[in-house]
Amino acid sequence: MAHKAEHGDKTAEEYRAYYDTGYRTDVDRIDIHGDRVSFHSASGVVSGTYADDGHEVLTYEKGNRGVRYIFRKVEGDAGAPAFIQFSDHAIAPVKAGHYHLYWGDDRAALLQEVTNWPTHYPAALTPAEIVAEMQAH
């Protein structure tokens, strides 16, 4: 956070609070195998099979744009979310260094979520690679 503060518009403590809120999730791990998604948390694992439900290009308050690719649960555990929205900041296809997943039962409400954006990195990344990705973002 000190590195971000040196190059940004917040103090290290302000960045820490911003990311504590943004990254907050009770999910420890998400496994994605094709159309099957499993959410692992302290209360157990819930899984569902998801199908493409379109995408939405969003314009945020700061003027930047992003895309949310949306997937709808077609079968699975009752506790698995009805919708998953995937965002990697890019509107055109590119390799993502990290991505944000939003999940819940209300498709429209998820599109409005801009305060909490659980961030995920490929499992193969090393801690140093994750730090580098965070600093570049």
N, C-alpha and C. Protein backbone atom coordinates (compact mmCIF):
# COMPACT_ATOMS: atom_id res chain seq x y z
N MET A 1 0.83 -1.19 0.00
CA MET A 1 0.00 0.00 0.00
C MET A 1 0.87 1.26 0.00
N ALA A 2 2.06 1.13 0.59
CA ALA A 2 2.99 2.27 0.55
C ALA A 2 3.37 2.59 -0.89
N HIS A 3 3.61 1.57 -1.70
CA HIS A 3 3.94 1.77 -3.11
C HIS A 3 2.80 2.48 -3.83
N LYS A 4 1.57 2.05 -3.60
CA LYS A 4 0.42 2.68 -4.24
C LYS A 4 0.30 4.14 -3.80
N ALA A 5 0.55 4.41 -2.51
CA ALA A 5 0.45 5.77 -1.99
C ALA A 5 1.48 6.68 -2.65
N GLU A 6 2.66 6.14 -2.96
CA GLU A 6 3.71 6.95 -3.61
C GLU A 6 3.28 7.40 -5.01
N HIS A 7 2.40 6.65 -5.63
CA HIS A 7 2.03 6.94 -7.02
C HIS A 7 0.55 7.29 -7.18
N GLY A 8 -0.19 7.31 -6.09
CA GLY A 8 -1.64 7.53 -6.19
C GLY A 8 -2.11 8.77 -5.47
N ASP A 9 -3.40 8.80 -5.21
CA ASP A 9 -4.02 9.97 -4.60
C ASP A 9 -4.54 9.71 -3.19
N LYS A 10 -4.09 8.60 -2.57
CA LYS A 10 -4.51 8.25 -1.22
C LYS A 10 -3.27 7.95 -0.38
N THR A 11 -3.44 7.99 0.94
CA THR A 11 -2.36 7.55 1.83
C THR A 11 -2.36 6.03 1.86
N ALA A 12 -1.31 5.45 2.40
CA ALA A 12 -1.24 3.99 2.51
C ALA A 12 -2.42 3.46 3.33
N GLU A 13 -2.78 4.14 4.41
CA GLU A 13 -3.91 3.71 5.24
C GLU A 13 -5.23 3.83 4.49
N GLU A 14 -5.39 4.88 3.70
CA GLU A 14 -6.61 5.02 2.90
C GLU A 14 -6.70 3.91 1.85
N TYR A 15 -5.58 3.57 1.23
CA TYR A 15 -5.57 2.45 0.28
C TYR A 15 -5.90 1.14 0.98
N ARG A 16 -5.34 0.93 2.16
CA ARG A 16 -5.62 -0.30 2.89
C ARG A 16 -7.12 -0.43 3.18
N ALA A 17 -7.75 0.65 3.64
CA ALA A 17 -9.19 0.62 3.92
C ALA A 17 -9.99 0.38 2.63
N TYR A 18 -9.59 1.03 1.54
CA TYR A 18 -10.27 0.87 0.26
C TYR A 18 -10.21 -0.58 -0.21
N TYR A 19 -9.04 -1.19 -0.14
CA TYR A 19 -8.88 -2.57 -0.59
C TYR A 19 -9.47 -3.58 0.41
N ASP A 20 -9.44 -3.26 1.69
CA ASP A 20 -10.09 -4.16 2.67
C ASP A 20 -11.58 -4.29 2.34
N THR A 21 -12.22 -3.18 1.99
CA THR A 21 -13.62 -3.22 1.60
C THR A 21 -13.79 -3.88 0.23
N GLY A 22 -12.96 -3.48 -0.71
CA GLY A 22 -13.09 -3.99 -2.07
C GLY A 22 -12.86 -5.48 -2.19
N TYR A 23 -11.85 -6.00 -1.51
CA TYR A 23 -11.48 -7.42 -1.64
C TYR A 23 -12.29 -8.34 -0.74
N ARG A 24 -13.05 -7.79 0.21
CA ARG A 24 -13.73 -8.60 1.22
C ARG A 24 -14.64 -9.67 0.61
N THR A 25 -14.45 -10.89 1.07
CA THR A 25 -15.30 -12.01 0.67
C THR A 25 -15.16 -13.11 1.72
N ASP A 26 -16.18 -13.92 1.87
CA ASP A 26 -16.10 -15.07 2.78
C ASP A 26 -15.74 -16.34 2.01
N VAL A 27 -15.48 -16.22 0.72
CA VAL A 27 -15.11 -17.37 -0.10
C VAL A 27 -13.58 -17.48 -0.12
N ASP A 28 -13.09 -18.67 0.24
CA ASP A 28 -11.65 -18.91 0.30
C ASP A 28 -11.05 -19.27 -1.05
N ARG A 29 -11.84 -19.95 -1.87
CA ARG A 29 -11.33 -20.44 -3.15
C ARG A 29 -12.51 -20.68 -4.09
N ILE A 30 -12.28 -20.44 -5.36
CA ILE A 30 -13.27 -20.74 -6.38
C ILE A 30 -12.61 -21.63 -7.41
N ASP A 31 -13.21 -22.77 -7.67
CA ASP A 31 -12.73 -23.69 -8.70
C ASP A 31 -13.66 -23.58 -9.90
N ILE A 32 -13.06 -23.35 -11.06
CA ILE A 32 -13.83 -23.26 -12.30
C ILE A 32 -13.32 -24.35 -13.23
N HIS A 33 -14.19 -25.27 -13.56
CA HIS A 33 -13.86 -26.36 -14.48
C HIS A 33 -14.94 -26.39 -15.56
N GLY A 34 -14.64 -25.77 -16.70
CA GLY A 34 -15.64 -25.66 -17.75
C GLY A 34 -16.80 -24.82 -17.28
N ASP A 35 -18.00 -25.37 -17.31
CA ASP A 35 -19.19 -24.61 -16.88
C ASP A 35 -19.56 -24.87 -15.43
N ARG A 36 -18.73 -25.64 -14.72
CA ARG A 36 -18.98 -25.98 -13.31
C ARG A 36 -18.14 -25.08 -12.41
N VAL A 37 -18.80 -24.40 -11.46
CA VAL A 37 -18.11 -23.49 -10.55
C VAL A 37 -18.41 -23.92 -9.12
N SER A 38 -17.34 -24.05 -8.32
CA SER A 38 -17.47 -24.43 -6.91
C SER A 38 -16.91 -23.32 -6.03
N PHE A 39 -17.69 -22.93 -5.03
CA PHE A 39 -17.31 -21.89 -4.08
C PHE A 39 -16.97 -22.57 -2.76
N HIS A 40 -15.73 -22.38 -2.29
CA HIS A 40 -15.26 -22.98 -1.04
C HIS A 40 -15.22 -21.89 0.03
N SER A 41 -15.85 -22.16 1.16
CA SER A 41 -15.81 -21.22 2.29
C SER A 41 -15.75 -22.01 3.59
N ALA A 42 -15.68 -21.31 4.69
CA ALA A 42 -15.62 -21.97 5.99
C ALA A 42 -16.87 -22.81 6.25
N SER A 43 -17.98 -22.46 5.62
CA SER A 43 -19.21 -23.22 5.83
C SER A 43 -19.37 -24.40 4.87
N GLY A 44 -18.41 -24.61 3.98
CA GLY A 44 -18.46 -25.75 3.07
C GLY A 44 -18.29 -25.35 1.62
N VAL A 45 -18.71 -26.24 0.74
CA VAL A 45 -18.57 -26.03 -0.70
C VAL A 45 -19.96 -26.08 -1.34
N VAL A 46 -20.24 -25.11 -2.20
CA VAL A 46 -21.46 -25.14 -3.02
C VAL A 46 -21.03 -25.04 -4.47
N SER A 47 -21.74 -25.75 -5.33
CA SER A 47 -21.38 -25.79 -6.74
C SER A 47 -22.60 -25.62 -7.61
N GLY A 48 -22.35 -25.15 -8.82
CA GLY A 48 -23.40 -25.02 -9.80
C GLY A 48 -22.84 -25.12 -11.20
N THR A 49 -23.73 -25.39 -12.12
CA THR A 49 -23.39 -25.36 -13.54
C THR A 49 -23.98 -24.08 -14.10
N TYR A 50 -23.17 -23.33 -14.85
CA TYR A 50 -23.55 -22.01 -15.30
C TYR A 50 -23.52 -21.90 -16.82
N ALA A 51 -24.45 -21.11 -17.36
CA ALA A 51 -24.55 -20.88 -18.80
C ALA A 51 -24.44 -19.38 -19.07
N ASP A 52 -23.93 -19.06 -20.24
CA ASP A 52 -23.78 -17.68 -20.68
C ASP A 52 -25.13 -16.96 -20.61
N ASP A 53 -25.13 -15.77 -19.98
CA ASP A 53 -26.33 -14.96 -19.89
C ASP A 53 -26.07 -13.56 -20.43
N GLY A 54 -25.13 -13.46 -21.36
CA GLY A 54 -24.83 -12.18 -22.00
C GLY A 54 -23.75 -11.39 -21.30
N HIS A 55 -23.63 -10.15 -21.69
CA HIS A 55 -22.65 -9.26 -21.08
C HIS A 55 -23.21 -7.84 -21.08
N GLU A 56 -22.65 -7.02 -20.21
CA GLU A 56 -23.05 -5.62 -20.10
C GLU A 56 -21.78 -4.77 -20.07
N VAL A 57 -21.72 -3.74 -20.91
CA VAL A 57 -20.64 -2.76 -20.86
C VAL A 57 -21.10 -1.65 -19.94
N LEU A 58 -20.31 -1.38 -18.92
CA LEU A 58 -20.68 -0.39 -17.91
C LEU A 58 -19.76 0.83 -17.98
N THR A 59 -20.31 2.00 -17.71
CA THR A 59 -19.51 3.22 -17.56
C THR A 59 -19.59 3.62 -16.10
N TYR A 60 -18.43 3.68 -15.46
CA TYR A 60 -18.37 3.95 -14.03
C TYR A 60 -18.31 5.46 -13.76
N GLU A 61 -18.52 5.82 -12.50
CA GLU A 61 -18.58 7.22 -12.08
C GLU A 61 -17.35 8.00 -12.52
N LYS A 62 -16.16 7.39 -12.49
CA LYS A 62 -14.93 8.08 -12.87
C LYS A 62 -14.80 8.23 -14.39
N GLY A 63 -15.74 7.64 -15.15
CA GLY A 63 -15.71 7.76 -16.60
C GLY A 63 -15.10 6.57 -17.32
N ASN A 64 -14.42 5.69 -16.57
CA ASN A 64 -13.85 4.50 -17.20
C ASN A 64 -14.95 3.49 -17.49
N ARG A 65 -14.66 2.62 -18.44
CA ARG A 65 -15.65 1.62 -18.83
C ARG A 65 -15.12 0.23 -18.50
N GLY A 66 -16.03 -0.69 -18.36
CA GLY A 66 -15.68 -2.08 -18.12
C GLY A 66 -16.80 -2.97 -18.63
N VAL A 67 -16.53 -4.25 -18.67
CA VAL A 67 -17.54 -5.18 -19.13
C VAL A 67 -17.76 -6.23 -18.06
N ARG A 68 -18.98 -6.67 -17.92
CA ARG A 68 -19.31 -7.79 -17.03
C ARG A 68 -19.88 -8.90 -17.91
N TYR A 69 -19.20 -10.02 -17.92
CA TYR A 69 -19.71 -11.22 -18.58
C TYR A 69 -20.54 -11.96 -17.55
N ILE A 70 -21.76 -12.31 -17.89
CA ILE A 70 -22.72 -12.81 -16.93
C ILE A 70 -23.05 -14.27 -17.21
N PHE A 71 -23.11 -15.05 -16.14
CA PHE A 71 -23.43 -16.46 -16.23
C PHE A 71 -24.56 -16.77 -15.25
N ARG A 72 -25.54 -17.53 -15.72
CA ARG A 72 -26.74 -17.88 -14.96
C ARG A 72 -26.66 -19.36 -14.56
N LYS A 73 -26.99 -19.64 -13.30
CA LYS A 73 -26.99 -21.03 -12.83
C LYS A 73 -28.12 -21.78 -13.51
N VAL A 74 -27.78 -22.94 -14.09
CA VAL A 74 -28.80 -23.77 -14.73
C VAL A 74 -29.07 -25.03 -13.93
N GLU A 75 -28.16 -25.38 -13.05
CA GLU A 75 -28.39 -26.48 -12.10
C GLU A 75 -27.33 -26.40 -11.03
N GLY A 76 -27.60 -27.07 -9.91
CA GLY A 76 -26.62 -27.10 -8.84
C GLY A 76 -27.22 -26.93 -7.47
N ASP A 77 -26.34 -26.76 -6.51
CA ASP A 77 -26.74 -26.63 -5.11
C ASP A 77 -27.59 -25.37 -4.90
N ALA A 78 -28.57 -25.49 -4.02
CA ALA A 78 -29.44 -24.34 -3.71
C ALA A 78 -28.64 -23.16 -3.20
N GLY A 79 -27.54 -23.42 -2.47
CA GLY A 79 -26.73 -22.35 -1.91
C GLY A 79 -25.78 -21.70 -2.89
N ALA A 80 -25.64 -22.26 -4.08
CA ALA A 80 -24.78 -21.64 -5.10
C ALA A 80 -25.50 -20.43 -5.67
N PRO A 81 -24.78 -19.36 -5.95
CA PRO A 81 -25.45 -18.14 -6.44
C PRO A 81 -26.14 -18.36 -7.78
N ALA A 82 -27.22 -17.62 -7.98
CA ALA A 82 -27.98 -17.71 -9.23
C ALA A 82 -27.21 -17.10 -10.40
N PHE A 83 -26.35 -16.10 -10.09
CA PHE A 83 -25.59 -15.41 -11.14
C PHE A 83 -24.14 -15.21 -10.71
N ILE A 84 -23.27 -15.27 -11.70
CA ILE A 84 -21.87 -14.91 -11.53
C ILE A 84 -21.56 -13.89 -12.62
N GLN A 85 -20.91 -12.80 -12.23
CA GLN A 85 -20.47 -11.81 -13.20
C GLN A 85 -18.96 -11.71 -13.14
N PHE A 86 -18.33 -11.78 -14.30
CA PHE A 86 -16.89 -11.79 -14.46
C PHE A 86 -16.45 -10.48 -15.07
N SER A 87 -15.45 -9.83 -14.47
CA SER A 87 -14.90 -8.59 -15.02
C SER A 87 -13.39 -8.65 -14.97
N ASP A 88 -12.75 -8.36 -16.11
CA ASP A 88 -11.28 -8.31 -16.13
C ASP A 88 -10.77 -6.95 -16.57
N HIS A 89 -11.60 -5.93 -16.54
CA HIS A 89 -11.29 -4.55 -16.90
C HIS A 89 -11.22 -4.30 -18.40
N ALA A 90 -11.10 -5.33 -19.20
CA ALA A 90 -10.94 -5.14 -20.64
C ALA A 90 -12.27 -5.37 -21.35
N ILE A 91 -12.50 -4.61 -22.37
CA ILE A 91 -13.69 -4.81 -23.17
C ILE A 91 -13.36 -5.74 -24.34
N ALA A 92 -12.15 -5.67 -24.84
CA ALA A 92 -11.70 -6.57 -25.91
C ALA A 92 -10.99 -7.77 -25.29
N PRO A 93 -10.98 -8.90 -25.99
CA PRO A 93 -10.31 -10.09 -25.45
C PRO A 93 -8.79 -9.87 -25.27
N VAL A 94 -8.32 -10.06 -24.06
CA VAL A 94 -6.89 -10.00 -23.73
C VAL A 94 -6.63 -10.99 -22.59
N LYS A 95 -5.37 -11.32 -22.37
CA LYS A 95 -5.02 -12.17 -21.24
C LYS A 95 -5.16 -11.35 -19.96
N ALA A 96 -5.88 -11.89 -18.99
CA ALA A 96 -6.14 -11.17 -17.73
C ALA A 96 -5.13 -11.57 -16.68
N GLY A 97 -4.53 -10.58 -16.02
CA GLY A 97 -3.63 -10.85 -14.91
C GLY A 97 -4.39 -11.11 -13.63
N HIS A 98 -5.57 -10.54 -13.55
CA HIS A 98 -6.49 -10.79 -12.43
C HIS A 98 -7.89 -10.48 -12.93
N TYR A 99 -8.86 -10.85 -12.15
CA TYR A 99 -10.24 -10.58 -12.53
C TYR A 99 -11.09 -10.47 -11.27
N HIS A 100 -12.24 -9.89 -11.45
CA HIS A 100 -13.19 -9.70 -10.35
C HIS A 100 -14.40 -10.58 -10.62
N LEU A 101 -14.88 -11.22 -9.58
CA LEU A 101 -16.10 -12.01 -9.68
C LEU A 101 -17.12 -11.44 -8.72
N TYR A 102 -18.31 -11.25 -9.22
CA TYR A 102 -19.44 -10.79 -8.42
C TYR A 102 -20.46 -11.92 -8.48
N TRP A 103 -21.05 -12.27 -7.36
CA TRP A 103 -22.03 -13.34 -7.39
C TRP A 103 -23.17 -13.05 -6.43
N GLY A 104 -24.34 -13.57 -6.79
CA GLY A 104 -25.52 -13.38 -5.97
C GLY A 104 -26.74 -13.83 -6.74
N ASP A 105 -27.90 -13.51 -6.20
CA ASP A 105 -29.15 -13.98 -6.79
C ASP A 105 -29.90 -12.91 -7.58
N ASP A 106 -29.41 -11.68 -7.59
CA ASP A 106 -30.08 -10.59 -8.29
C ASP A 106 -29.15 -10.04 -9.37
N ARG A 107 -29.43 -10.40 -10.62
CA ARG A 107 -28.57 -10.02 -11.75
C ARG A 107 -28.38 -8.50 -11.84
N ALA A 108 -29.47 -7.75 -11.75
CA ALA A 108 -29.41 -6.30 -11.89
C ALA A 108 -28.65 -5.65 -10.74
N ALA A 109 -28.88 -6.11 -9.53
CA ALA A 109 -28.19 -5.53 -8.36
C ALA A 109 -26.68 -5.75 -8.46
N LEU A 110 -26.27 -6.90 -8.97
CA LEU A 110 -24.84 -7.16 -9.11
C LEU A 110 -24.17 -6.17 -10.06
N LEU A 111 -24.90 -5.75 -11.10
CA LEU A 111 -24.34 -4.78 -12.04
C LEU A 111 -24.09 -3.43 -11.39
N GLN A 112 -24.79 -3.15 -10.30
CA GLN A 112 -24.63 -1.88 -9.59
C GLN A 112 -23.50 -1.92 -8.56
N GLU A 113 -22.98 -3.10 -8.26
CA GLU A 113 -21.96 -3.25 -7.22
C GLU A 113 -20.63 -2.67 -7.69
N VAL A 114 -20.16 -1.63 -7.00
CA VAL A 114 -18.87 -1.03 -7.33
C VAL A 114 -18.00 -0.82 -6.08
N THR A 115 -18.49 -1.22 -4.92
CA THR A 115 -17.75 -1.04 -3.67
C THR A 115 -16.99 -2.29 -3.28
N ASN A 116 -17.61 -3.43 -3.50
CA ASN A 116 -17.00 -4.72 -3.15
C ASN A 116 -16.77 -5.49 -4.45
N TRP A 117 -15.47 -5.77 -4.72
CA TRP A 117 -15.10 -6.43 -5.97
C TRP A 117 -14.06 -7.50 -5.68
N PRO A 118 -14.52 -8.64 -5.12
CA PRO A 118 -13.56 -9.72 -4.83
C PRO A 118 -12.67 -9.99 -6.04
N THR A 119 -11.38 -9.99 -5.79
CA THR A 119 -10.38 -10.06 -6.85
C THR A 119 -9.68 -11.41 -6.79
N HIS A 120 -9.53 -12.01 -7.93
CA HIS A 120 -8.97 -13.35 -8.01
C HIS A 120 -7.81 -13.38 -9.00
N TYR A 121 -6.84 -14.20 -8.69
CA TYR A 121 -5.65 -14.36 -9.51
C TYR A 121 -5.53 -15.83 -9.90
N PRO A 122 -4.95 -16.10 -11.05
CA PRO A 122 -4.74 -17.50 -11.41
C PRO A 122 -3.95 -18.23 -10.33
N ALA A 123 -4.32 -19.45 -10.01
CA ALA A 123 -3.71 -20.22 -8.93
C ALA A 123 -2.22 -20.44 -9.15
N ALA A 124 -1.77 -20.42 -10.38
CA ALA A 124 -0.36 -20.70 -10.68
C ALA A 124 0.57 -19.51 -10.38
N LEU A 125 0.01 -18.33 -10.12
CA LEU A 125 0.87 -17.18 -9.84
C LEU A 125 1.57 -17.32 -8.49
N THR A 126 2.80 -16.85 -8.44
CA THR A 126 3.55 -16.84 -7.19
C THR A 126 3.14 -15.59 -6.40
N PRO A 127 3.44 -15.57 -5.10
CA PRO A 127 3.14 -14.35 -4.33
C PRO A 127 3.80 -13.10 -4.93
N ALA A 128 5.02 -13.21 -5.42
CA ALA A 128 5.69 -12.05 -6.03
C ALA A 128 4.96 -11.58 -7.28
N GLU A 129 4.44 -12.52 -8.08
CA GLU A 129 3.69 -12.15 -9.28
C GLU A 129 2.38 -11.47 -8.92
N ILE A 130 1.74 -11.91 -7.84
CA ILE A 130 0.50 -11.27 -7.39
C ILE A 130 0.78 -9.85 -6.92
N VAL A 131 1.86 -9.67 -6.17
CA VAL A 131 2.23 -8.31 -5.71
C VAL A 131 2.50 -7.41 -6.92
N ALA A 132 3.22 -7.91 -7.90
CA ALA A 132 3.51 -7.12 -9.10
C ALA A 132 2.22 -6.75 -9.82
N GLU A 133 1.31 -7.66 -9.91
CA GLU A 133 0.01 -7.41 -10.56
C GLU A 133 -0.77 -6.36 -9.78
N MET A 134 -0.76 -6.45 -8.46
CA MET A 134 -1.47 -5.47 -7.63
C MET A 134 -0.86 -4.08 -7.79
N GLN A 135 0.46 -4.01 -7.83
CA GLN A 135 1.10 -2.70 -7.95
C GLN A 135 0.85 -2.05 -9.30
N ALA A 136 0.68 -2.88 -10.33
CA ALA A 136 0.45 -2.34 -11.67
C ALA A 136 -0.99 -1.90 -11.86
N HIS A 137 -1.87 -2.30 -10.99
CA HIS A 137 -3.31 -2.02 -11.14
C HIS A 137 -3.69 -0.72 -10.47
